[in-house]
Amino acid sequence: MDDQDFWNARYAGPDYLYGTEPNSFLAEHAELLTGPVLSLCEGEGRNAVFLARRGLQVLGVDCSETGLRKAQALARSRKVTIETHLADLAEYTPGKMAFGSVISISAHLPGAVRQRLYPRIEKSLKANGIFVLEAYTENQLTKHTGGPKDSDMLMSIDKLRNELPNLNVVLAREIDRLVVEGKGHTGMASVVQFIARKEA
């Protein structure tokens, strides 16, 4: 099963797998963001809709047509507009200097994909643009509260510093925290939280 089939199956149910409320780390730092915002692995729309309700223009990219269809339905129910784009992030190239912010919430990608995508992400940010990420770390492998079981797809501060060398780090920490995000992510989790800025 490829990624598209996997996520279409995961999002096929009537419920929202990760709930309809935004990631709490993103919500805590949303005031840092300027538009347009690119959201990687947006899935069913909870983060894009939250940002749109704050008045930001948002593009959510995901490989799942099912997820993006539910994202648009969520946006309509909250009376906001979001843009969605169906794409394999291994092949996706965002426009240069096109985004004020890029968010990556639980966008767990293989290292080979990150090596291609992350330099494109750096180039897609405008001057002073912000990158915000929360992802599971390798310590999550011992837990049963969500996330991939492949260490290559799990993140760390060291990986992020190495893979995004042209951004200035604003915040970088690895912590255990309680995550409550629908059926997909609920319980104590080991995460990396990372905010970085592109130089003017």
N, C-alpha and C. Protein backbone atom coordinates (compact mmCIF):
# COMPACT_ATOMS: atom_id res chain seq x y z
N MET A 1 0.85 -1.20 0.00
CA MET A 1 0.00 0.00 0.00
C MET A 1 0.89 1.25 0.00
N ASP A 2 0.67 2.14 -0.96
CA ASP A 2 1.47 3.36 -0.98
C ASP A 2 0.88 4.39 -0.01
N ASP A 3 1.59 5.52 0.14
CA ASP A 3 1.18 6.52 1.13
C ASP A 3 -0.23 7.05 0.86
N GLN A 4 -0.54 7.28 -0.40
CA GLN A 4 -1.86 7.83 -0.74
C GLN A 4 -2.96 6.86 -0.33
N ASP A 5 -2.80 5.59 -0.68
CA ASP A 5 -3.81 4.59 -0.30
C ASP A 5 -3.90 4.45 1.22
N PHE A 6 -2.76 4.46 1.88
CA PHE A 6 -2.73 4.33 3.34
C PHE A 6 -3.53 5.45 3.99
N TRP A 7 -3.26 6.70 3.59
CA TRP A 7 -3.93 7.83 4.24
C TRP A 7 -5.38 7.97 3.79
N ASN A 8 -5.69 7.62 2.58
CA ASN A 8 -7.10 7.60 2.18
C ASN A 8 -7.89 6.63 3.04
N ALA A 9 -7.29 5.48 3.33
CA ALA A 9 -7.95 4.50 4.18
C ALA A 9 -8.07 5.02 5.62
N ARG A 10 -7.01 5.67 6.11
CA ARG A 10 -7.02 6.19 7.48
C ARG A 10 -8.08 7.27 7.67
N TYR A 11 -8.31 8.06 6.63
CA TYR A 11 -9.25 9.18 6.72
C TYR A 11 -10.66 8.82 6.23
N ALA A 12 -10.89 7.56 5.93
CA ALA A 12 -12.15 7.17 5.28
C ALA A 12 -13.36 7.24 6.20
N GLY A 13 -13.15 7.15 7.49
CA GLY A 13 -14.29 7.14 8.42
C GLY A 13 -14.96 8.49 8.53
N PRO A 14 -16.15 8.52 9.12
CA PRO A 14 -16.89 9.79 9.25
C PRO A 14 -16.27 10.75 10.26
N ASP A 15 -15.57 10.21 11.26
CA ASP A 15 -14.95 11.06 12.28
C ASP A 15 -13.64 11.65 11.75
N TYR A 16 -13.19 12.68 12.43
CA TYR A 16 -11.89 13.28 12.11
C TYR A 16 -10.83 12.58 12.97
N LEU A 17 -9.91 11.89 12.32
CA LEU A 17 -8.97 11.01 13.00
C LEU A 17 -8.20 11.73 14.09
N TYR A 18 -7.76 12.95 13.82
CA TYR A 18 -6.99 13.73 14.78
C TYR A 18 -7.80 14.89 15.36
N GLY A 19 -9.12 14.77 15.28
CA GLY A 19 -9.99 15.79 15.82
C GLY A 19 -10.11 16.99 14.88
N THR A 20 -10.83 18.00 15.34
CA THR A 20 -11.05 19.20 14.53
C THR A 20 -10.44 20.45 15.15
N GLU A 21 -9.79 20.29 16.29
CA GLU A 21 -9.13 21.42 16.93
C GLU A 21 -7.65 21.44 16.55
N PRO A 22 -7.02 22.62 16.57
CA PRO A 22 -5.64 22.70 16.10
C PRO A 22 -4.66 22.04 17.06
N ASN A 23 -3.51 21.73 16.55
CA ASN A 23 -2.39 21.31 17.38
C ASN A 23 -2.09 22.40 18.40
N SER A 24 -1.92 22.05 19.65
CA SER A 24 -1.81 23.05 20.71
C SER A 24 -0.50 23.84 20.63
N PHE A 25 0.58 23.22 20.18
CA PHE A 25 1.84 23.95 20.01
C PHE A 25 1.69 25.01 18.92
N LEU A 26 1.05 24.65 17.83
CA LEU A 26 0.78 25.62 16.77
C LEU A 26 -0.09 26.76 17.30
N ALA A 27 -1.15 26.42 18.01
CA ALA A 27 -2.05 27.45 18.52
C ALA A 27 -1.33 28.39 19.48
N GLU A 28 -0.42 27.85 20.27
CA GLU A 28 0.32 28.65 21.24
C GLU A 28 1.20 29.71 20.56
N HIS A 29 1.67 29.39 19.35
CA HIS A 29 2.61 30.29 18.67
C HIS A 29 2.04 30.88 17.39
N ALA A 30 0.73 30.81 17.23
CA ALA A 30 0.11 31.26 15.98
C ALA A 30 0.32 32.74 15.72
N GLU A 31 0.54 33.53 16.77
CA GLU A 31 0.71 34.96 16.57
C GLU A 31 2.01 35.28 15.82
N LEU A 32 2.92 34.33 15.75
CA LEU A 32 4.17 34.54 15.01
C LEU A 32 3.97 34.44 13.50
N LEU A 33 2.88 33.83 13.08
CA LEU A 33 2.71 33.49 11.67
C LEU A 33 2.17 34.66 10.87
N THR A 34 2.68 34.77 9.65
CA THR A 34 2.13 35.69 8.66
C THR A 34 1.80 34.87 7.41
N GLY A 35 0.89 35.38 6.62
CA GLY A 35 0.47 34.65 5.45
C GLY A 35 1.24 35.05 4.20
N PRO A 36 1.01 34.32 3.14
CA PRO A 36 0.29 33.05 3.10
C PRO A 36 1.02 31.97 3.90
N VAL A 37 0.27 31.00 4.39
CA VAL A 37 0.82 29.89 5.17
C VAL A 37 0.74 28.61 4.35
N LEU A 38 1.84 27.89 4.28
CA LEU A 38 1.87 26.56 3.68
C LEU A 38 1.85 25.54 4.81
N SER A 39 0.87 24.63 4.77
CA SER A 39 0.77 23.56 5.77
C SER A 39 1.08 22.22 5.11
N LEU A 40 2.15 21.58 5.56
CA LEU A 40 2.58 20.29 5.02
C LEU A 40 1.81 19.16 5.69
N CYS A 41 1.39 18.18 4.91
CA CYS A 41 0.63 17.04 5.44
C CYS A 41 -0.58 17.53 6.23
N GLU A 42 -1.37 18.38 5.61
CA GLU A 42 -2.49 19.02 6.31
C GLU A 42 -3.59 18.04 6.69
N GLY A 43 -3.73 16.95 5.94
CA GLY A 43 -4.72 15.95 6.33
C GLY A 43 -6.14 16.46 6.27
N GLU A 44 -6.87 16.35 7.38
CA GLU A 44 -8.30 16.65 7.41
C GLU A 44 -8.61 18.11 7.74
N GLY A 45 -7.60 18.96 7.84
CA GLY A 45 -7.86 20.39 7.84
C GLY A 45 -7.88 21.13 9.15
N ARG A 46 -7.64 20.46 10.26
CA ARG A 46 -7.84 21.12 11.56
C ARG A 46 -6.92 22.33 11.73
N ASN A 47 -5.66 22.22 11.30
CA ASN A 47 -4.74 23.34 11.49
C ASN A 47 -4.97 24.45 10.48
N ALA A 48 -5.23 24.09 9.24
CA ALA A 48 -5.50 25.10 8.21
C ALA A 48 -6.74 25.90 8.54
N VAL A 49 -7.78 25.24 9.00
CA VAL A 49 -9.02 25.93 9.34
C VAL A 49 -8.81 26.86 10.53
N PHE A 50 -8.06 26.41 11.52
CA PHE A 50 -7.74 27.27 12.66
C PHE A 50 -7.04 28.55 12.21
N LEU A 51 -6.06 28.42 11.33
CA LEU A 51 -5.33 29.60 10.87
C LEU A 51 -6.19 30.49 9.99
N ALA A 52 -7.04 29.87 9.18
CA ALA A 52 -7.95 30.67 8.35
C ALA A 52 -8.91 31.47 9.22
N ARG A 53 -9.32 30.91 10.33
CA ARG A 53 -10.20 31.64 11.25
C ARG A 53 -9.48 32.81 11.91
N ARG A 54 -8.17 32.79 11.90
CA ARG A 54 -7.38 33.91 12.39
C ARG A 54 -7.11 34.94 11.30
N GLY A 55 -7.67 34.71 10.12
CA GLY A 55 -7.54 35.66 9.04
C GLY A 55 -6.39 35.43 8.09
N LEU A 56 -5.72 34.28 8.22
CA LEU A 56 -4.58 33.98 7.37
C LEU A 56 -5.01 33.22 6.12
N GLN A 57 -4.33 33.49 5.03
CA GLN A 57 -4.51 32.71 3.80
C GLN A 57 -3.69 31.43 3.96
N VAL A 58 -4.30 30.28 3.71
CA VAL A 58 -3.64 29.00 3.98
C VAL A 58 -3.75 28.07 2.78
N LEU A 59 -2.63 27.42 2.47
CA LEU A 59 -2.59 26.33 1.48
C LEU A 59 -2.22 25.06 2.21
N GLY A 60 -3.11 24.09 2.22
CA GLY A 60 -2.84 22.79 2.83
C GLY A 60 -2.49 21.77 1.76
N VAL A 61 -1.34 21.15 1.89
CA VAL A 61 -0.86 20.16 0.93
C VAL A 61 -0.88 18.79 1.59
N ASP A 62 -1.37 17.80 0.88
CA ASP A 62 -1.43 16.45 1.42
C ASP A 62 -1.52 15.46 0.26
N CYS A 63 -1.14 14.21 0.53
CA CYS A 63 -1.23 13.17 -0.50
C CYS A 63 -2.59 12.49 -0.52
N SER A 64 -3.46 12.80 0.45
CA SER A 64 -4.74 12.11 0.58
C SER A 64 -5.89 12.96 0.05
N GLU A 65 -6.50 12.51 -1.01
CA GLU A 65 -7.68 13.19 -1.55
C GLU A 65 -8.82 13.15 -0.54
N THR A 66 -8.95 12.03 0.16
CA THR A 66 -10.00 11.89 1.17
C THR A 66 -9.81 12.90 2.29
N GLY A 67 -8.58 13.02 2.77
CA GLY A 67 -8.30 13.97 3.83
C GLY A 67 -8.60 15.39 3.42
N LEU A 68 -8.19 15.77 2.22
CA LEU A 68 -8.40 17.15 1.77
C LEU A 68 -9.88 17.45 1.51
N ARG A 69 -10.62 16.45 1.09
CA ARG A 69 -12.06 16.63 0.93
C ARG A 69 -12.70 16.93 2.29
N LYS A 70 -12.27 16.22 3.33
CA LYS A 70 -12.78 16.48 4.67
C LYS A 70 -12.30 17.84 5.19
N ALA A 71 -11.10 18.24 4.79
CA ALA A 71 -10.60 19.56 5.17
C ALA A 71 -11.49 20.66 4.60
N GLN A 72 -11.88 20.53 3.36
CA GLN A 72 -12.76 21.53 2.76
C GLN A 72 -14.13 21.53 3.43
N ALA A 73 -14.61 20.35 3.80
CA ALA A 73 -15.89 20.26 4.50
C ALA A 73 -15.81 20.95 5.87
N LEU A 74 -14.69 20.75 6.56
CA LEU A 74 -14.50 21.40 7.85
C LEU A 74 -14.44 22.92 7.69
N ALA A 75 -13.76 23.37 6.64
CA ALA A 75 -13.67 24.82 6.40
C ALA A 75 -15.07 25.40 6.14
N ARG A 76 -15.85 24.72 5.36
CA ARG A 76 -17.22 25.21 5.09
C ARG A 76 -18.04 25.26 6.38
N SER A 77 -17.87 24.25 7.22
CA SER A 77 -18.65 24.21 8.47
C SER A 77 -18.24 25.33 9.41
N ARG A 78 -16.98 25.80 9.30
CA ARG A 78 -16.49 26.88 10.15
C ARG A 78 -16.56 28.24 9.44
N LYS A 79 -17.13 28.21 8.22
CA LYS A 79 -17.37 29.44 7.46
C LYS A 79 -16.08 30.19 7.13
N VAL A 80 -15.06 29.42 6.73
CA VAL A 80 -13.81 30.01 6.24
C VAL A 80 -13.43 29.33 4.93
N THR A 81 -12.47 29.93 4.27
CA THR A 81 -11.98 29.38 3.00
C THR A 81 -10.51 28.99 3.15
N ILE A 82 -10.19 27.80 2.70
CA ILE A 82 -8.79 27.37 2.63
C ILE A 82 -8.53 26.84 1.23
N GLU A 83 -7.28 26.88 0.84
CA GLU A 83 -6.87 26.27 -0.44
C GLU A 83 -6.22 24.94 -0.12
N THR A 84 -6.51 23.93 -0.92
CA THR A 84 -5.88 22.63 -0.74
C THR A 84 -5.26 22.18 -2.04
N HIS A 85 -4.20 21.38 -1.91
CA HIS A 85 -3.48 20.90 -3.08
C HIS A 85 -3.07 19.45 -2.84
N LEU A 86 -3.47 18.57 -3.75
CA LEU A 86 -3.14 17.15 -3.66
C LEU A 86 -1.75 16.93 -4.25
N ALA A 87 -0.82 16.44 -3.45
CA ALA A 87 0.55 16.27 -3.94
C ALA A 87 1.31 15.26 -3.09
N ASP A 88 2.24 14.58 -3.72
CA ASP A 88 3.23 13.76 -3.05
C ASP A 88 4.37 14.70 -2.66
N LEU A 89 4.64 14.83 -1.37
CA LEU A 89 5.65 15.79 -0.93
C LEU A 89 7.05 15.44 -1.43
N ALA A 90 7.25 14.19 -1.84
CA ALA A 90 8.54 13.83 -2.42
C ALA A 90 8.78 14.56 -3.74
N GLU A 91 7.67 14.95 -4.39
CA GLU A 91 7.78 15.61 -5.69
C GLU A 91 7.37 17.08 -5.65
N TYR A 92 6.84 17.53 -4.53
CA TYR A 92 6.23 18.86 -4.45
C TYR A 92 7.30 19.96 -4.40
N THR A 93 7.08 21.02 -5.18
CA THR A 93 7.96 22.18 -5.17
C THR A 93 7.13 23.43 -4.95
N PRO A 94 7.16 23.99 -3.75
CA PRO A 94 6.42 25.24 -3.51
C PRO A 94 7.10 26.40 -4.22
N GLY A 95 6.36 27.45 -4.48
CA GLY A 95 6.90 28.62 -5.14
C GLY A 95 7.97 29.30 -4.31
N LYS A 96 8.98 29.85 -4.95
CA LYS A 96 10.05 30.55 -4.24
C LYS A 96 9.54 31.86 -3.65
N MET A 97 9.94 32.13 -2.41
CA MET A 97 9.57 33.37 -1.71
C MET A 97 8.04 33.57 -1.72
N ALA A 98 7.30 32.46 -1.61
CA ALA A 98 5.84 32.52 -1.76
C ALA A 98 5.10 32.57 -0.43
N PHE A 99 5.74 32.19 0.67
CA PHE A 99 5.01 32.01 1.93
C PHE A 99 5.65 32.80 3.07
N GLY A 100 4.76 33.41 3.86
CA GLY A 100 5.22 34.06 5.08
C GLY A 100 5.54 33.06 6.17
N SER A 101 4.89 31.89 6.11
CA SER A 101 5.09 30.85 7.12
C SER A 101 4.89 29.48 6.49
N VAL A 102 5.60 28.51 7.04
CA VAL A 102 5.39 27.10 6.69
C VAL A 102 5.21 26.35 8.00
N ILE A 103 4.18 25.52 8.07
CA ILE A 103 3.97 24.70 9.27
C ILE A 103 4.06 23.23 8.91
N SER A 104 4.62 22.48 9.84
CA SER A 104 4.81 21.04 9.67
C SER A 104 4.40 20.38 10.98
N ILE A 105 3.15 19.98 11.05
CA ILE A 105 2.60 19.38 12.27
C ILE A 105 2.38 17.88 12.02
N SER A 106 3.18 17.07 12.69
CA SER A 106 3.11 15.62 12.51
C SER A 106 3.27 15.22 11.04
N ALA A 107 4.12 15.95 10.34
CA ALA A 107 4.41 15.62 8.94
C ALA A 107 5.66 14.74 8.93
N HIS A 108 5.46 13.46 9.20
CA HIS A 108 6.59 12.54 9.34
C HIS A 108 6.94 11.97 7.97
N LEU A 109 8.10 12.35 7.48
CA LEU A 109 8.53 11.99 6.14
C LEU A 109 9.85 11.22 6.20
N PRO A 110 10.08 10.31 5.26
CA PRO A 110 11.38 9.63 5.22
C PRO A 110 12.52 10.63 5.03
N GLY A 111 13.69 10.30 5.54
CA GLY A 111 14.82 11.18 5.42
C GLY A 111 15.12 11.57 3.99
N ALA A 112 15.00 10.64 3.06
CA ALA A 112 15.28 10.93 1.65
C ALA A 112 14.32 11.98 1.10
N VAL A 113 13.07 11.95 1.56
CA VAL A 113 12.09 12.95 1.12
C VAL A 113 12.42 14.30 1.74
N ARG A 114 12.75 14.32 3.02
CA ARG A 114 13.11 15.57 3.67
C ARG A 114 14.31 16.22 3.00
N GLN A 115 15.28 15.43 2.59
CA GLN A 115 16.48 15.99 1.97
C GLN A 115 16.15 16.71 0.67
N ARG A 116 15.11 16.27 -0.01
CA ARG A 116 14.68 16.97 -1.23
C ARG A 116 13.75 18.14 -0.90
N LEU A 117 12.84 17.92 0.06
CA LEU A 117 11.80 18.90 0.33
C LEU A 117 12.29 20.09 1.13
N TYR A 118 13.09 19.85 2.17
CA TYR A 118 13.43 20.94 3.09
C TYR A 118 14.20 22.08 2.43
N PRO A 119 15.15 21.83 1.51
CA PRO A 119 15.77 22.97 0.82
C PRO A 119 14.74 23.78 0.02
N ARG A 120 13.74 23.12 -0.52
CA ARG A 120 12.68 23.82 -1.24
C ARG A 120 11.84 24.64 -0.28
N ILE A 121 11.62 24.11 0.92
CA ILE A 121 10.87 24.85 1.94
C ILE A 121 11.62 26.11 2.33
N GLU A 122 12.92 26.00 2.54
CA GLU A 122 13.72 27.19 2.88
C GLU A 122 13.56 28.26 1.80
N LYS A 123 13.63 27.85 0.55
CA LYS A 123 13.52 28.80 -0.56
C LYS A 123 12.11 29.37 -0.69
N SER A 124 11.10 28.61 -0.23
CA SER A 124 9.71 29.06 -0.38
C SER A 124 9.34 30.15 0.62
N LEU A 125 10.13 30.30 1.69
CA LEU A 125 9.83 31.30 2.71
C LEU A 125 10.28 32.69 2.25
N LYS A 126 9.44 33.67 2.54
CA LYS A 126 9.82 35.06 2.33
C LYS A 126 10.86 35.47 3.37
N ALA A 127 11.49 36.60 3.16
CA ALA A 127 12.41 37.15 4.16
C ALA A 127 11.68 37.30 5.49
N ASN A 128 12.32 36.89 6.57
CA ASN A 128 11.74 36.88 7.92
C ASN A 128 10.62 35.85 8.09
N GLY A 129 10.47 34.96 7.12
CA GLY A 129 9.43 33.93 7.20
C GLY A 129 9.71 32.95 8.33
N ILE A 130 8.63 32.36 8.84
CA ILE A 130 8.69 31.48 10.01
C ILE A 130 8.36 30.04 9.62
N PHE A 131 9.13 29.12 10.18
CA PHE A 131 8.88 27.68 10.04
C PHE A 131 8.55 27.13 11.42
N VAL A 132 7.41 26.46 11.54
CA VAL A 132 6.97 25.89 12.82
C VAL A 132 6.73 24.40 12.64
N LEU A 133 7.35 23.60 13.50
CA LEU A 133 7.23 22.14 13.40
C LEU A 133 7.00 21.54 14.77
N GLU A 134 6.12 20.56 14.82
CA GLU A 134 6.07 19.62 15.94
C GLU A 134 5.99 18.22 15.34
N ALA A 135 6.83 17.34 15.85
CA ALA A 135 6.86 15.96 15.35
C ALA A 135 7.30 15.04 16.48
N TYR A 136 7.03 13.77 16.30
CA TYR A 136 7.46 12.79 17.29
C TYR A 136 8.96 12.52 17.17
N THR A 137 9.58 12.24 18.33
CA THR A 137 10.99 11.86 18.37
C THR A 137 11.11 10.33 18.46
N GLU A 138 12.33 9.85 18.43
CA GLU A 138 12.55 8.40 18.51
C GLU A 138 12.07 7.83 19.83
N ASN A 139 12.00 8.65 20.88
CA ASN A 139 11.49 8.15 22.16
C ASN A 139 10.03 7.73 22.07
N GLN A 140 9.34 8.21 21.04
CA GLN A 140 7.95 7.84 20.84
C GLN A 140 7.80 6.36 20.48
N LEU A 141 8.86 5.73 20.03
CA LEU A 141 8.79 4.32 19.62
C LEU A 141 8.36 3.41 20.75
N THR A 142 8.61 3.80 21.99
CA THR A 142 8.25 2.96 23.14
C THR A 142 6.82 3.23 23.62
N LYS A 143 6.16 4.20 23.00
CA LYS A 143 4.81 4.56 23.40
C LYS A 143 3.81 4.06 22.38
N HIS A 144 2.55 4.08 22.73
CA HIS A 144 1.48 3.62 21.84
C HIS A 144 0.42 4.71 21.70
N THR A 145 0.90 5.93 21.47
CA THR A 145 -0.01 7.07 21.43
C THR A 145 0.05 7.80 20.08
N GLY A 146 0.52 7.11 19.05
CA GLY A 146 0.55 7.70 17.71
C GLY A 146 1.95 7.75 17.14
N GLY A 147 2.00 8.09 15.85
CA GLY A 147 3.28 8.28 15.18
C GLY A 147 3.77 7.04 14.47
N PRO A 148 4.70 7.24 13.53
CA PRO A 148 5.26 6.11 12.78
C PRO A 148 6.18 5.26 13.64
N LYS A 149 6.39 4.04 13.23
CA LYS A 149 7.27 3.12 13.95
C LYS A 149 8.62 2.97 13.25
N ASP A 150 8.94 3.92 12.42
CA ASP A 150 10.18 3.93 11.65
C ASP A 150 11.03 5.10 12.15
N SER A 151 12.18 4.82 12.73
CA SER A 151 13.00 5.87 13.32
C SER A 151 13.47 6.90 12.28
N ASP A 152 13.57 6.50 11.04
CA ASP A 152 13.98 7.43 9.98
C ASP A 152 12.96 8.56 9.81
N MET A 153 11.70 8.28 10.13
CA MET A 153 10.64 9.27 9.96
C MET A 153 10.41 10.10 11.22
N LEU A 154 11.09 9.75 12.30
CA LEU A 154 10.96 10.48 13.55
C LEU A 154 12.04 11.56 13.61
N MET A 155 11.77 12.62 14.35
CA MET A 155 12.59 13.82 14.25
C MET A 155 13.36 14.10 15.54
N SER A 156 14.35 14.98 15.42
CA SER A 156 15.14 15.43 16.56
C SER A 156 15.64 16.83 16.25
N ILE A 157 16.11 17.51 17.28
CA ILE A 157 16.69 18.83 17.07
C ILE A 157 17.89 18.75 16.13
N ASP A 158 18.73 17.73 16.32
CA ASP A 158 19.91 17.59 15.47
C ASP A 158 19.53 17.42 14.00
N LYS A 159 18.55 16.57 13.75
CA LYS A 159 18.11 16.38 12.36
C LYS A 159 17.61 17.70 11.77
N LEU A 160 16.84 18.43 12.53
CA LEU A 160 16.26 19.68 12.02
C LEU A 160 17.34 20.73 11.76
N ARG A 161 18.30 20.84 12.66
CA ARG A 161 19.40 21.79 12.44
C ARG A 161 20.20 21.43 11.19
N ASN A 162 20.42 20.15 10.99
CA ASN A 162 21.19 19.70 9.83
C ASN A 162 20.42 19.85 8.53
N GLU A 163 19.10 19.61 8.58
CA GLU A 163 18.30 19.58 7.36
C GLU A 163 17.73 20.94 6.98
N LEU A 164 17.76 21.90 7.91
CA LEU A 164 17.31 23.27 7.65
C LEU A 164 18.43 24.24 8.05
N PRO A 165 19.59 24.13 7.42
CA PRO A 165 20.75 24.88 7.90
C PRO A 165 20.68 26.38 7.65
N ASN A 166 19.79 26.81 6.78
CA ASN A 166 19.73 28.23 6.42
C ASN A 166 18.68 29.01 7.19
N LEU A 167 18.08 28.38 8.19
CA LEU A 167 17.11 29.07 9.05
C LEU A 167 17.72 29.31 10.42
N ASN A 168 17.36 30.43 11.02
CA ASN A 168 17.83 30.77 12.36
C ASN A 168 16.86 30.23 13.40
N VAL A 169 17.36 29.42 14.30
CA VAL A 169 16.51 28.75 15.29
C VAL A 169 16.03 29.75 16.33
N VAL A 170 14.71 29.76 16.54
CA VAL A 170 14.08 30.60 17.57
C VAL A 170 13.78 29.77 18.81
N LEU A 171 13.31 28.55 18.61
CA LEU A 171 12.97 27.64 19.71
C LEU A 171 13.25 26.22 19.25
N ALA A 172 13.88 25.44 20.10
CA ALA A 172 14.13 24.03 19.79
C ALA A 172 14.17 23.25 21.10
N ARG A 173 13.24 22.32 21.25
CA ARG A 173 13.22 21.52 22.47
C ARG A 173 12.60 20.16 22.19
N GLU A 174 13.06 19.18 22.94
CA GLU A 174 12.48 17.83 22.91
C GLU A 174 11.88 17.58 24.28
N ILE A 175 10.58 17.29 24.30
CA ILE A 175 9.87 17.16 25.57
C ILE A 175 8.88 16.00 25.49
N ASP A 176 8.42 15.56 26.64
CA ASP A 176 7.26 14.68 26.73
C ASP A 176 6.08 15.54 27.13
N ARG A 177 4.97 15.39 26.44
CA ARG A 177 3.79 16.18 26.78
C ARG A 177 2.53 15.37 26.49
N LEU A 178 1.44 15.76 27.12
CA LEU A 178 0.15 15.13 26.87
C LEU A 178 -0.43 15.70 25.58
N VAL A 179 -0.71 14.83 24.65
CA VAL A 179 -1.32 15.21 23.38
C VAL A 179 -2.74 14.65 23.35
N VAL A 180 -3.71 15.50 23.03
CA VAL A 180 -5.10 15.05 22.90
C VAL A 180 -5.61 15.53 21.55
N GLU A 181 -5.52 14.66 20.56
CA GLU A 181 -5.89 15.01 19.19
C GLU A 181 -6.65 13.85 18.57
N GLY A 182 -7.92 13.76 18.91
CA GLY A 182 -8.76 12.71 18.34
C GLY A 182 -8.28 11.31 18.70
N LYS A 183 -8.74 10.34 17.93
CA LYS A 183 -8.34 8.95 18.19
C LYS A 183 -6.91 8.67 17.75
N GLY A 184 -6.40 9.49 16.82
CA GLY A 184 -5.10 9.21 16.24
C GLY A 184 -3.93 9.53 17.15
N HIS A 185 -4.04 10.62 17.90
CA HIS A 185 -2.96 11.07 18.78
C HIS A 185 -3.56 11.42 20.14
N THR A 186 -3.51 10.51 21.08
CA THR A 186 -3.97 10.84 22.43
C THR A 186 -3.14 10.08 23.46
N GLY A 187 -2.57 10.84 24.40
CA GLY A 187 -1.77 10.25 25.46
C GLY A 187 -0.44 10.97 25.59
N MET A 188 0.40 10.51 26.50
CA MET A 188 1.73 11.08 26.65
C MET A 188 2.56 10.79 25.41
N ALA A 189 3.25 11.82 24.94
CA ALA A 189 3.99 11.70 23.69
C ALA A 189 5.34 12.37 23.82
N SER A 190 6.32 11.84 23.09
CA SER A 190 7.66 12.43 23.02
C SER A 190 7.76 13.20 21.71
N VAL A 191 7.95 14.51 21.82
CA VAL A 191 7.92 15.36 20.63
C VAL A 191 9.11 16.30 20.59
N VAL A 192 9.41 16.76 19.38
CA VAL A 192 10.31 17.87 19.19
C VAL A 192 9.48 19.06 18.73
N GLN A 193 9.74 20.21 19.33
CA GLN A 193 9.07 21.46 18.97
C GLN A 193 10.14 22.42 18.47
N PHE A 194 9.88 22.99 17.30
CA PHE A 194 10.94 23.71 16.59
C PHE A 194 10.34 24.91 15.87
N ILE A 195 10.93 26.08 16.10
CA ILE A 195 10.55 27.29 15.37
C ILE A 195 11.82 27.92 14.85
N ALA A 196 11.83 28.31 13.59
CA ALA A 196 13.00 28.94 12.99
C ALA A 196 12.55 30.02 12.03
N ARG A 197 13.47 30.96 11.77
CA ARG A 197 13.15 32.11 10.94
C ARG A 197 14.18 32.26 9.81
N LYS A 198 13.68 32.63 8.66
CA LYS A 198 14.58 32.92 7.54
C LYS A 198 15.09 34.35 7.67
N GLU A 199 16.36 34.54 7.41
CA GLU A 199 16.93 35.88 7.52
C GLU A 199 16.31 36.84 6.51
N ALA A 200 16.26 38.08 6.86
CA ALA A 200 15.75 39.11 5.95
C ALA A 200 16.70 39.29 4.77
